[in-house]
Amino acid sequence: MAHLMTVQLLLLVMWMAECAQSRATRARTELLNVCMDAKHHKEKPGPEDNLHDQCSPWKTNSCCSTNTSQEAHKDISYLYRFNWNHCGTMTSECKRHFIQDTC
């Protein structure tokens, strides 16, 4: 009898752990499906087949449109009337970081 209760208790603990893990995974996934509340970003992420250059890794779940991804790569862009070199010439590594952040 004690053996049966031990087995049942172990099954209950395993089931509870699985439920908790599913909730945590779902919560993380929901956080990944949020776009910035910004003028040039979509409300919800979705596929974009023609993202430009550095934005292409996000083509299956993008918050940018194709046009936004192209504009992000320009030194002077209409996106936020922003010039990447406003404080002097930016290194290519630094510019790459900020472009990917915009994507």
PDB file of N, CA and C in Angstrom:
ATOM      1  N   MET A   1       0.814  -1.190   0.000  1.00  0.00           N
ATOM      2  CA  MET A   1       0.000   0.000   0.000  1.00  0.00           C
ATOM      3  C   MET A   1       0.862   1.261   0.000  1.00  0.00           C
ATOM      4  N   ALA A   2       1.906   1.254   0.832  1.00  0.00           N
ATOM      5  CA  ALA A   2       2.792   2.417   0.889  1.00  0.00           C
ATOM      6  C   ALA A   2       3.481   2.636  -0.453  1.00  0.00           C
ATOM      7  N   HIS A   3       3.835   1.539  -1.116  1.00  0.00           N
ATOM      8  CA  HIS A   3       4.487   1.640  -2.428  1.00  0.00           C
ATOM      9  C   HIS A   3       3.553   2.299  -3.451  1.00  0.00           C
ATOM     10  N   LEU A   4       2.286   1.935  -3.437  1.00  0.00           N
ATOM     11  CA  LEU A   4       1.303   2.502  -4.356  1.00  0.00           C
ATOM     12  C   LEU A   4       1.135   4.000  -4.115  1.00  0.00           C
ATOM     13  N   MET A   5       1.079   4.402  -2.853  1.00  0.00           N
ATOM     14  CA  MET A   5       0.938   5.824  -2.521  1.00  0.00           C
ATOM     15  C   MET A   5       2.183   6.602  -2.941  1.00  0.00           C
ATOM     16  N   THR A   6       3.351   6.001  -2.779  1.00  0.00           N
ATOM     17  CA  THR A   6       4.591   6.651  -3.199  1.00  0.00           C
ATOM     18  C   THR A   6       4.593   6.877  -4.705  1.00  0.00           C
ATOM     19  N   VAL A   7       4.176   5.883  -5.448  1.00  0.00           N
ATOM     20  CA  VAL A   7       4.110   5.996  -6.908  1.00  0.00           C
ATOM     21  C   VAL A   7       3.109   7.077  -7.306  1.00  0.00           C
ATOM     22  N   GLN A   8       1.950   7.093  -6.651  1.00  0.00           N
ATOM     23  CA  GLN A   8       0.941   8.101  -6.958  1.00  0.00           C
ATOM     24  C   GLN A   8       1.448   9.503  -6.629  1.00  0.00           C
ATOM     25  N   LEU A   9       2.128   9.634  -5.518  1.00  0.00           N
ATOM     26  CA  LEU A   9       2.679  10.924  -5.126  1.00  0.00           C
ATOM     27  C   LEU A   9       3.729  11.394  -6.131  1.00  0.00           C
ATOM     28  N   LEU A  10       4.595  10.493  -6.565  1.00  0.00           N
ATOM     29  CA  LEU A  10       5.602  10.842  -7.571  1.00  0.00           C
ATOM     30  C   LEU A  10       4.950  11.268  -8.883  1.00  0.00           C
ATOM     31  N   LEU A  11       3.912  10.563  -9.294  1.00  0.00           N
ATOM     32  CA  LEU A  11       3.199  10.942 -10.519  1.00  0.00           C
ATOM     33  C   LEU A  11       2.561  12.320 -10.386  1.00  0.00           C
ATOM     34  N   LEU A  12       2.001  12.606  -9.212  1.00  0.00           N
ATOM     35  CA  LEU A  12       1.406  13.915  -8.967  1.00  0.00           C
ATOM     36  C   LEU A  12       2.458  15.020  -9.034  1.00  0.00           C
ATOM     37  N   VAL A  13       3.595  14.807  -8.414  1.00  0.00           N
ATOM     38  CA  VAL A  13       4.684  15.792  -8.430  1.00  0.00           C
ATOM     39  C   VAL A  13       5.183  16.015  -9.860  1.00  0.00           C
ATOM     40  N   MET A  14       5.335  14.939 -10.616  1.00  0.00           N
ATOM     41  CA  MET A  14       5.795  15.066 -12.006  1.00  0.00           C
ATOM     42  C   MET A  14       4.771  15.833 -12.844  1.00  0.00           C
ATOM     43  N   TRP A  15       3.494  15.573 -12.645  1.00  0.00           N
ATOM     44  CA  TRP A  15       2.444  16.266 -13.385  1.00  0.00           C
ATOM     45  C   TRP A  15       2.444  17.754 -13.048  1.00  0.00           C
ATOM     46  N   MET A  16       2.596  18.084 -11.753  1.00  0.00           N
ATOM     47  CA  MET A  16       2.624  19.487 -11.333  1.00  0.00           C
ATOM     48  C   MET A  16       3.834  20.209 -11.923  1.00  0.00           C
ATOM     49  N   ALA A  17       4.972  19.552 -11.956  1.00  0.00           N
ATOM     50  CA  ALA A  17       6.178  20.154 -12.537  1.00  0.00           C
ATOM     51  C   ALA A  17       5.984  20.419 -14.024  1.00  0.00           C
ATOM     52  N   GLU A  18       5.351  19.504 -14.731  1.00  0.00           N
ATOM     53  CA  GLU A  18       5.082  19.669 -16.163  1.00  0.00           C
ATOM     54  C   GLU A  18       4.144  20.848 -16.400  1.00  0.00           C
ATOM     55  N   CYS A  19       3.125  20.980 -15.579  1.00  0.00           N
ATOM     56  CA  CYS A  19       2.190  22.104 -15.714  1.00  0.00           C
ATOM     57  C   CYS A  19       2.897  23.432 -15.482  1.00  0.00           C
ATOM     58  N   ALA A  20       3.728  23.500 -14.468  1.00  0.00           N
ATOM     59  CA  ALA A  20       4.463  24.735 -14.167  1.00  0.00           C
ATOM     60  C   ALA A  20       5.413  25.085 -15.299  1.00  0.00           C
ATOM     61  N   GLN A  21       6.084  24.087 -15.860  1.00  0.00           N
ATOM     62  CA  GLN A  21       7.014  24.332 -16.957  1.00  0.00           C
ATOM     63  C   GLN A  21       6.266  24.832 -18.191  1.00  0.00           C
ATOM     64  N   SER A  22       5.107  24.290 -18.473  1.00  0.00           N
ATOM     65  CA  SER A  22       4.315  24.723 -19.619  1.00  0.00           C
ATOM     66  C   SER A  22       3.910  26.179 -19.470  1.00  0.00           C
ATOM     67  N   ARG A  23       3.502  26.578 -18.267  1.00  0.00           N
ATOM     68  CA  ARG A  23       3.128  27.975 -18.022  1.00  0.00           C
ATOM     69  C   ARG A  23       4.320  28.894 -18.214  1.00  0.00           C
ATOM     70  N   ALA A  24       5.484  28.510 -17.717  1.00  0.00           N
ATOM     71  CA  ALA A  24       6.684  29.337 -17.852  1.00  0.00           C
ATOM     72  C   ALA A  24       7.079  29.478 -19.317  1.00  0.00           C
ATOM     73  N   THR A  25       7.011  28.402 -20.062  1.00  0.00           N
ATOM     74  CA  THR A  25       7.337  28.449 -21.489  1.00  0.00           C
ATOM     75  C   THR A  25       6.360  29.347 -22.222  1.00  0.00           C
ATOM     76  N   ARG A  26       5.083  29.231 -21.906  1.00  0.00           N
ATOM     77  CA  ARG A  26       4.063  30.061 -22.538  1.00  0.00           C
ATOM     78  C   ARG A  26       4.308  31.539 -22.220  1.00  0.00           C
ATOM     79  N   ALA A  27       4.662  31.866 -20.978  1.00  0.00           N
ATOM     80  CA  ALA A  27       4.913  33.251 -20.585  1.00  0.00           C
ATOM     81  C   ALA A  27       6.105  33.818 -21.343  1.00  0.00           C
ATOM     82  N   ARG A  28       7.174  33.025 -21.485  1.00  0.00           N
ATOM     83  CA  ARG A  28       8.340  33.489 -22.236  1.00  0.00           C
ATOM     84  C   ARG A  28       7.990  33.723 -23.694  1.00  0.00           C
ATOM     85  N   THR A  29       7.210  32.837 -24.275  1.00  0.00           N
ATOM     86  CA  THR A  29       6.819  32.978 -25.675  1.00  0.00           C
ATOM     87  C   THR A  29       5.984  34.233 -25.871  1.00  0.00           C
ATOM     88  N   GLU A  30       5.090  34.513 -24.937  1.00  0.00           N
ATOM     89  CA  GLU A  30       4.272  35.716 -25.038  1.00  0.00           C
ATOM     90  C   GLU A  30       5.138  36.966 -25.007  1.00  0.00           C
ATOM     91  N   LEU A  31       6.192  36.978 -24.200  1.00  0.00           N
ATOM     92  CA  LEU A  31       7.091  38.130 -24.148  1.00  0.00           C
ATOM     93  C   LEU A  31       7.829  38.323 -25.464  1.00  0.00           C
ATOM     94  N   LEU A  32       8.087  37.242 -26.186  1.00  0.00           N
ATOM     95  CA  LEU A  32       8.767  37.347 -27.471  1.00  0.00           C
ATOM     96  C   LEU A  32       7.833  37.836 -28.570  1.00  0.00           C
ATOM     97  N   ASN A  33       6.546  37.831 -28.327  1.00  0.00           N
ATOM     98  CA  ASN A  33       5.576  38.237 -29.331  1.00  0.00           C
ATOM     99  C   ASN A  33       5.028  39.632 -29.067  1.00  0.00           C
ATOM    100  N   VAL A  34       5.918  40.542 -28.658  1.00  0.00           N
ATOM    101  CA  VAL A  34       5.548  41.920 -28.380  1.00  0.00           C
ATOM    102  C   VAL A  34       6.463  42.834 -29.180  1.00  0.00           C
ATOM    103  N   CYS A  35       5.866  43.811 -29.849  1.00  0.00           N
ATOM    104  CA  CYS A  35       6.659  44.814 -30.577  1.00  0.00           C
ATOM    105  C   CYS A  35       6.687  46.113 -29.777  1.00  0.00           C
ATOM    106  N   MET A  36       7.717  46.923 -30.022  1.00  0.00           N
ATOM    107  CA  MET A  36       7.780  48.240 -29.407  1.00  0.00           C
ATOM    108  C   MET A  36       6.577  49.051 -29.866  1.00  0.00           C
ATOM    109  N   ASP A  37       6.101  49.907 -29.005  1.00  0.00           N
ATOM    110  CA  ASP A  37       5.049  50.836 -29.387  1.00  0.00           C
ATOM    111  C   ASP A  37       5.749  52.019 -30.044  1.00  0.00           C
ATOM    112  N   ALA A  38       6.010  51.894 -31.331  1.00  0.00           N
ATOM    113  CA  ALA A  38       6.789  52.898 -32.049  1.00  0.00           C
ATOM    114  C   ALA A  38       6.147  53.187 -33.403  1.00  0.00           C
ATOM    115  N   LYS A  39       6.422  54.355 -33.898  1.00  0.00           N
ATOM    116  CA  LYS A  39       5.812  54.836 -35.140  1.00  0.00           C
ATOM    117  C   LYS A  39       6.055  53.910 -36.326  1.00  0.00           C
ATOM    118  N   HIS A  40       7.237  53.330 -36.425  1.00  0.00           N
ATOM    119  CA  HIS A  40       7.605  52.551 -37.605  1.00  0.00           C
ATOM    120  C   HIS A  40       7.675  51.047 -37.353  1.00  0.00           C
ATOM    121  N   HIS A  41       7.052  50.580 -36.288  1.00  0.00           N
ATOM    122  CA  HIS A  41       7.009  49.146 -36.001  1.00  0.00           C
ATOM    123  C   HIS A  41       5.569  48.649 -36.074  1.00  0.00           C
ATOM    124  N   LYS A  42       5.413  47.385 -36.362  1.00  0.00           N
ATOM    125  CA  LYS A  42       4.088  46.784 -36.425  1.00  0.00           C
ATOM    126  C   LYS A  42       3.539  46.594 -35.010  1.00  0.00           C
ATOM    127  N   GLU A  43       2.227  46.418 -34.918  1.00  0.00           N
ATOM    128  CA  GLU A  43       1.615  46.181 -33.607  1.00  0.00           C
ATOM    129  C   GLU A  43       1.975  44.811 -33.055  1.00  0.00           C
ATOM    130  N   LYS A  44       2.008  43.809 -33.943  1.00  0.00           N
ATOM    131  CA  LYS A  44       2.346  42.444 -33.535  1.00  0.00           C
ATOM    132  C   LYS A  44       3.371  41.878 -34.508  1.00  0.00           C
ATOM    133  N   PRO A  45       4.323  41.093 -34.009  1.00  0.00           N
ATOM    134  CA  PRO A  45       5.319  40.510 -34.916  1.00  0.00           C
ATOM    135  C   PRO A  45       4.702  39.478 -35.845  1.00  0.00           C
ATOM    136  N   GLY A  46       5.310  39.374 -37.005  1.00  0.00           N
ATOM    137  CA  GLY A  46       4.864  38.397 -37.987  1.00  0.00           C
ATOM    138  C   GLY A  46       5.924  38.228 -39.056  1.00  0.00           C
ATOM    139  N   PRO A  47       5.698  37.348 -39.995  1.00  0.00           N
ATOM    140  CA  PRO A  47       6.688  37.088 -41.043  1.00  0.00           C
ATOM    141  C   PRO A  47       6.859  38.271 -41.992  1.00  0.00           C
ATOM    142  N   GLU A  48       8.078  38.495 -42.433  1.00  0.00           N
ATOM    143  CA  GLU A  48       8.436  39.505 -43.441  1.00  0.00           C
ATOM    144  C   GLU A  48       9.520  38.883 -44.307  1.00  0.00           C
ATOM    145  N   ASP A  49       9.194  38.527 -45.515  1.00  0.00           N
ATOM    146  CA  ASP A  49      10.124  37.800 -46.382  1.00  0.00           C
ATOM    147  C   ASP A  49      11.311  38.614 -46.874  1.00  0.00           C
ATOM    148  N   ASN A  50      11.171  39.924 -46.996  1.00  0.00           N
ATOM    149  CA  ASN A  50      12.212  40.723 -47.650  1.00  0.00           C
ATOM    150  C   ASN A  50      12.904  41.708 -46.721  1.00  0.00           C
ATOM    151  N   LEU A  51      13.178  41.318 -45.494  1.00  0.00           N
ATOM    152  CA  LEU A  51      13.888  42.218 -44.590  1.00  0.00           C
ATOM    153  C   LEU A  51      15.303  42.442 -45.100  1.00  0.00           C
ATOM    154  N   HIS A  52      15.795  43.658 -44.916  1.00  0.00           N
ATOM    155  CA  HIS A  52      17.092  44.045 -45.455  1.00  0.00           C
ATOM    156  C   HIS A  52      18.231  43.637 -44.524  1.00  0.00           C
ATOM    157  N   ASP A  53      19.267  43.088 -45.103  1.00  0.00           N
ATOM    158  CA  ASP A  53      20.572  42.829 -44.492  1.00  0.00           C
ATOM    159  C   ASP A  53      20.504  42.389 -43.026  1.00  0.00           C
ATOM    160  N   GLN A  54      20.871  43.256 -42.115  1.00  0.00           N
ATOM    161  CA  GLN A  54      21.012  42.891 -40.706  1.00  0.00           C
ATOM    162  C   GLN A  54      19.688  42.572 -40.021  1.00  0.00           C
ATOM    163  N   CYS A  55      18.581  42.926 -40.636  1.00  0.00           N
ATOM    164  CA  CYS A  55      17.273  42.628 -40.037  1.00  0.00           C
ATOM    165  C   CYS A  55      16.761  41.246 -40.434  1.00  0.00           C
ATOM    166  N   SER A  56      17.418  40.613 -41.398  1.00  0.00           N
ATOM    167  CA  SER A  56      16.919  39.340 -41.931  1.00  0.00           C
ATOM    168  C   SER A  56      16.813  38.203 -40.903  1.00  0.00           C
ATOM    169  N   PRO A  57      17.613  38.174 -39.824  1.00  0.00           N
ATOM    170  CA  PRO A  57      17.424  37.085 -38.855  1.00  0.00           C
ATOM    171  C   PRO A  57      16.027  37.063 -38.220  1.00  0.00           C
ATOM    172  N   TRP A  58      15.310  38.165 -38.280  1.00  0.00           N
ATOM    173  CA  TRP A  58      13.985  38.249 -37.677  1.00  0.00           C
ATOM    174  C   TRP A  58      12.862  38.049 -38.694  1.00  0.00           C
ATOM    175  N   LYS A  59      13.167  37.532 -39.883  1.00  0.00           N
ATOM    176  CA  LYS A  59      12.154  37.459 -40.943  1.00  0.00           C
ATOM    177  C   LYS A  59      10.963  36.563 -40.597  1.00  0.00           C
ATOM    178  N   THR A  60      11.123  35.617 -39.702  1.00  0.00           N
ATOM    179  CA  THR A  60       9.983  34.763 -39.346  1.00  0.00           C
ATOM    180  C   THR A  60       9.109  35.374 -38.256  1.00  0.00           C
ATOM    181  N   ASN A  61       9.625  36.372 -37.547  1.00  0.00           N
ATOM    182  CA  ASN A  61       8.868  36.981 -36.444  1.00  0.00           C
ATOM    183  C   ASN A  61       9.309  38.428 -36.268  1.00  0.00           C
ATOM    184  N   SER A  62       9.009  39.253 -37.256  1.00  0.00           N
ATOM    185  CA  SER A  62       9.533  40.609 -37.307  1.00  0.00           C
ATOM    186  C   SER A  62       8.523  41.653 -36.859  1.00  0.00           C
ATOM    187  N   CYS A  63       9.023  42.681 -36.194  1.00  0.00           N
ATOM    188  CA  CYS A  63       8.199  43.838 -35.854  1.00  0.00           C
ATOM    189  C   CYS A  63       8.367  44.944 -36.894  1.00  0.00           C
ATOM    190  N   CYS A  64       9.330  44.793 -37.791  1.00  0.00           N
ATOM    191  CA  CYS A  64       9.595  45.780 -38.840  1.00  0.00           C
ATOM    192  C   CYS A  64       8.977  45.344 -40.158  1.00  0.00           C
ATOM    193  N   SER A  65       8.565  46.327 -40.936  1.00  0.00           N
ATOM    194  CA  SER A  65       8.175  46.051 -42.315  1.00  0.00           C
ATOM    195  C   SER A  65       9.444  46.037 -43.161  1.00  0.00           C
ATOM    196  N   THR A  66       9.319  45.625 -44.394  1.00  0.00           N
ATOM    197  CA  THR A  66      10.466  45.639 -45.307  1.00  0.00           C
ATOM    198  C   THR A  66      11.007  47.054 -45.440  1.00  0.00           C
ATOM    199  N   ASN A  67      10.120  48.030 -45.593  1.00  0.00           N
ATOM    200  CA  ASN A  67      10.537  49.422 -45.754  1.00  0.00           C
ATOM    201  C   ASN A  67      11.294  49.925 -44.525  1.00  0.00           C
ATOM    202  N   THR A  68      10.800  49.614 -43.340  1.00  0.00           N
ATOM    203  CA  THR A  68      11.483  50.040 -42.115  1.00  0.00           C
ATOM    204  C   THR A  68      12.874  49.428 -42.033  1.00  0.00           C
ATOM    205  N   SER A  69      13.008  48.163 -42.399  1.00  0.00           N
ATOM    206  CA  SER A  69      14.324  47.513 -42.334  1.00  0.00           C
ATOM    207  C   SER A  69      15.295  48.137 -43.330  1.00  0.00           C
ATOM    208  N   GLN A  70      14.803  48.578 -44.484  1.00  0.00           N
ATOM    209  CA  GLN A  70      15.671  49.243 -45.462  1.00  0.00           C
ATOM    210  C   GLN A  70      16.088  50.617 -44.960  1.00  0.00           C
ATOM    211  N   GLU A  71      15.156  51.358 -44.406  1.00  0.00           N
ATOM    212  CA  GLU A  71      15.460  52.704 -43.904  1.00  0.00           C
ATOM    213  C   GLU A  71      16.431  52.664 -42.726  1.00  0.00           C
ATOM    214  N   ALA A  72      16.370  51.638 -41.908  1.00  0.00           N
ATOM    215  CA  ALA A  72      17.262  51.534 -40.746  1.00  0.00           C
ATOM    216  C   ALA A  72      18.725  51.452 -41.160  1.00  0.00           C
ATOM    217  N   HIS A  73      18.992  51.001 -42.371  1.00  0.00           N
ATOM    218  CA  HIS A  73      20.368  50.846 -42.844  1.00  0.00           C
ATOM    219  C   HIS A  73      20.942  52.119 -43.475  1.00  0.00           C
ATOM    220  N   LYS A  74      20.131  53.148 -43.624  1.00  0.00           N
ATOM    221  CA  LYS A  74      20.609  54.392 -44.243  1.00  0.00           C
ATOM    222  C   LYS A  74      21.257  55.285 -43.188  1.00  0.00           C
ATOM    223  N   ASP A  75      22.293  56.033 -43.609  1.00  0.00           N
ATOM    224  CA  ASP A  75      22.949  56.951 -42.670  1.00  0.00           C
ATOM    225  C   ASP A  75      21.999  58.050 -42.212  1.00  0.00           C
ATOM    226  N   ILE A  76      21.208  58.564 -43.121  1.00  0.00           N
ATOM    227  CA  ILE A  76      20.188  59.547 -42.775  1.00  0.00           C
ATOM    228  C   ILE A  76      18.858  58.962 -43.237  1.00  0.00           C
ATOM    229  N   SER A  77      17.963  58.741 -42.311  1.00  0.00           N
ATOM    230  CA  SER A  77      16.720  58.043 -42.601  1.00  0.00           C
ATOM    231  C   SER A  77      15.529  58.871 -42.147  1.00  0.00           C
ATOM    232  N   TYR A  78      14.403  58.686 -42.823  1.00  0.00           N
ATOM    233  CA  TYR A  78      13.188  59.369 -42.404  1.00  0.00           C
ATOM    234  C   TYR A  78      12.597  58.749 -41.137  1.00  0.00           C
ATOM    235  N   LEU A  79      13.086  57.585 -40.716  1.00  0.00           N
ATOM    236  CA  LEU A  79      12.449  56.860 -39.610  1.00  0.00           C
ATOM    237  C   LEU A  79      12.221  57.738 -38.384  1.00  0.00           C
ATOM    238  N   TYR A  80      13.246  58.335 -37.891  1.00  0.00           N
ATOM    239  CA  TYR A  80      13.100  59.207 -36.727  1.00  0.00           C
ATOM    240  C   TYR A  80      13.851  60.510 -36.956  1.00  0.00           C
ATOM    241  N   ARG A  81      14.062  60.829 -38.243  1.00  0.00           N
ATOM    242  CA  ARG A  81      14.875  61.994 -38.631  1.00  0.00           C
ATOM    243  C   ARG A  81      16.207  61.940 -37.885  1.00  0.00           C
ATOM    244  N   PHE A  82      16.789  60.767 -37.930  1.00  0.00           N
ATOM    245  CA  PHE A  82      17.996  60.488 -37.160  1.00  0.00           C
ATOM    246  C   PHE A  82      19.154  60.212 -38.098  1.00  0.00           C
ATOM    247  N   ASN A  83      20.315  60.756 -37.757  1.00  0.00           N
ATOM    248  CA  ASN A  83      21.538  60.530 -38.513  1.00  0.00           C
ATOM    249  C   ASN A  83      22.460  59.688 -37.629  1.00  0.00           C
ATOM    250  N   TRP A  84      22.841  58.508 -38.115  1.00  0.00           N
ATOM    251  CA  TRP A  84      23.705  57.631 -37.321  1.00  0.00           C
ATOM    252  C   TRP A  84      25.009  58.316 -36.919  1.00  0.00           C
ATOM    253  N   ASN A  85      25.471  59.264 -37.716  1.00  0.00           N
ATOM    254  CA  ASN A  85      26.754  59.925 -37.440  1.00  0.00           C
ATOM    255  C   ASN A  85      26.568  61.295 -36.782  1.00  0.00           C
ATOM    256  N   HIS A  86      25.518  61.478 -36.031  1.00  0.00           N
ATOM    257  CA  HIS A  86      25.252  62.791 -35.434  1.00  0.00           C
ATOM    258  C   HIS A  86      26.309  63.210 -34.409  1.00  0.00           C
ATOM    259  N   CYS A  87      27.054  62.280 -33.867  1.00  0.00           N
ATOM    260  CA  CYS A  87      28.121  62.610 -32.910  1.00  0.00           C
ATOM    261  C   CYS A  87      29.502  62.398 -33.522  1.00  0.00           C
ATOM    262  N   GLY A  88      29.579  62.362 -34.830  1.00  0.00           N
ATOM    263  CA  GLY A  88      30.823  62.036 -35.515  1.00  0.00           C
ATOM    264  C   GLY A  88      30.670  60.677 -36.181  1.00  0.00           C
ATOM    265  N   THR A  89      31.665  60.293 -36.933  1.00  0.00           N
ATOM    266  CA  THR A  89      31.571  59.038 -37.669  1.00  0.00           C
ATOM    267  C   THR A  89      31.534  57.852 -36.702  1.00  0.00           C
ATOM    268  N   MET A  90      30.511  57.049 -36.843  1.00  0.00           N
ATOM    269  CA  MET A  90      30.328  55.874 -35.992  1.00  0.00           C
ATOM    270  C   MET A  90      31.110  54.704 -36.584  1.00  0.00           C
ATOM    271  N   THR A  91      31.730  53.915 -35.735  1.00  0.00           N
ATOM    272  CA  THR A  91      32.440  52.732 -36.241  1.00  0.00           C
ATOM    273  C   THR A  91      31.421  51.760 -36.839  1.00  0.00           C
ATOM    274  N   SER A  92      31.871  50.922 -37.749  1.00  0.00           N
ATOM    275  CA  SER A  92      30.955  49.976 -38.395  1.00  0.00           C
ATOM    276  C   SER A  92      30.368  48.987 -37.382  1.00  0.00           C
ATOM    277  N   GLU A  93      31.162  48.584 -36.374  1.00  0.00           N
ATOM    278  CA  GLU A  93      30.665  47.659 -35.354  1.00  0.00           C
ATOM    279  C   GLU A  93      29.563  48.306 -34.520  1.00  0.00           C
ATOM    280  N   CYS A  94      29.767  49.563 -34.169  1.00  0.00           N
ATOM    281  CA  CYS A  94      28.781  50.285 -33.367  1.00  0.00           C
ATOM    282  C   CYS A  94      27.501  50.512 -34.183  1.00  0.00           C
ATOM    283  N   LYS A  95      27.674  50.903 -35.432  1.00  0.00           N
ATOM    284  CA  LYS A  95      26.518  51.123 -36.304  1.00  0.00           C
ATOM    285  C   LYS A  95      25.736  49.822 -36.474  1.00  0.00           C
ATOM    286  N   ARG A  96      26.445  48.723 -36.647  1.00  0.00           N
ATOM    287  CA  ARG A  96      25.798  47.412 -36.796  1.00  0.00           C
ATOM    288  C   ARG A  96      24.942  47.094 -35.567  1.00  0.00           C
ATOM    289  N   HIS A  97      25.481  47.368 -34.384  1.00  0.00           N
ATOM    290  CA  HIS A  97      24.735  47.130 -33.141  1.00  0.00           C
ATOM    291  C   HIS A  97      23.437  47.939 -33.124  1.00  0.00           C
ATOM    292  N   PHE A  98      23.515  49.217 -33.428  1.00  0.00           N
ATOM    293  CA  PHE A  98      22.334  50.067 -33.357  1.00  0.00           C
ATOM    294  C   PHE A  98      21.315  49.741 -34.447  1.00  0.00           C
ATOM    295  N   ILE A  99      21.783  49.336 -35.618  1.00  0.00           N
ATOM    296  CA  ILE A  99      20.850  48.924 -36.675  1.00  0.00           C
ATOM    297  C   ILE A  99      20.106  47.667 -36.241  1.00  0.00           C
ATOM    298  N   GLN A 100      20.822  46.702 -35.682  1.00  0.00           N
ATOM    299  CA  GLN A 100      20.152  45.480 -35.219  1.00  0.00           C
ATOM    300  C   GLN A 100      19.189  45.783 -34.076  1.00  0.00           C
ATOM    301  N   ASP A 101      19.522  46.742 -33.246  1.00  0.00           N
ATOM    302  CA  ASP A 101      18.627  47.144 -32.172  1.00  0.00           C
ATOM    303  C   ASP A 101      17.353  47.754 -32.751  1.00  0.00           C
ATOM    304  N   THR A 102      17.490  48.516 -33.826  1.00  0.00           N
ATOM    305  CA  THR A 102      16.328  49.102 -34.492  1.00  0.00           C
ATOM    306  C   THR A 102      15.462  48.022 -35.123  1.00  0.00           C
ATOM    307  N   CYS A 103      16.112  46.986 -35.667  1.00  0.00           N
ATOM    308  CA  CYS A 103      15.340  45.882 -36.268  1.00  0.00           C
ATOM    309  C   CYS A 103      14.465  45.233 -35.230  1.00  0.00           C
TER     310      CYS A 103
END
